[in-house]
């Protein structure tokens, strides 16, 4: 008996497309490897830079001075001096430049070193891309999909932005568990130094020599490289996905997608369509969905991911 060919619909095409995308984002993909390496390099340089920053700051503001100001402020309040537990630092390297008339003048090269996560949201999306995507079902590529055209922002864009920013701790919802320490708070507390001055980071300029300045530059370069590797990975995969989506729209049957996958060496089994359908049916039946939405019931990780993806598809 001839087996009936399975017909594709929008949901099944999306499941198939996800299989292709996961294959193109596999760990041995050169673009994926570059992204992973960029994060590892940043982590190493971050460790080195924390030690270097502490040495510079303590050279300009010795611990005994910190202790003196603390004692004075405890005795006289703010009039005795101010201290701030800081994780943002500004450094200056004196240089000589020549103006358009050929006259030399003294100025500085300035650099800001910030150890927080909230300082650069794009970096946060790039650094935690895998974590956001695999563990939580979020779309950390949502901003890159705009291709720098902010007129493309739609309800889904803002939904993704809110979901990720809330998870990372850049914004909070009124009904969330305040006892949960979010990633943003972890980064804020990862490295701090007591400095003499107020909370205004740019009010403190620590002078350094050229060699030290170049070492500090490597920190920001490493951070930029994480974002660049993310952009290159996204572009590599998205260029393939655009062509794939067009092709899948023209396919009526699963065996056509299967033939394409076989040619590309991508494992694709028809059972994945059935698994996806059964999961959706089990979660989104009126009875189960109602129970999941009750305040006293907590969704499992798989249910949360499936629910989030369903909401995304509904908006699309």
Foldseek 3Di string as FASTA:
>chain_A
DDDDFAWDDPVNLVLLLVLVLCVCCDCPNPLNVLLVVLLVVLVVLVVVVLVVVVVLQCVVPPPVNVVQLVVQCVVVNCVSFDKDWDQKAKEWAKDWDADPVRDIDIDTDMDMDGQFCLVDVLLVLLSCVCVCCPQQLAHSCLVVVCVPPVVPDDPLSVVRVVVVCCQQVVDHDPPDDPVDDHNRNVSRPVHTDMHTDDHPRVVDYGYDYPVSVVSSVVNVVSSVSSSVSSSVSCVVSVVVSVVSVVVSVPDTGPVVSVVVCVVVVRDDDPVSSVVLVVVCCVCPDPVNVVVCPDPVHDDDSVSSSNVVVVVSVVVD
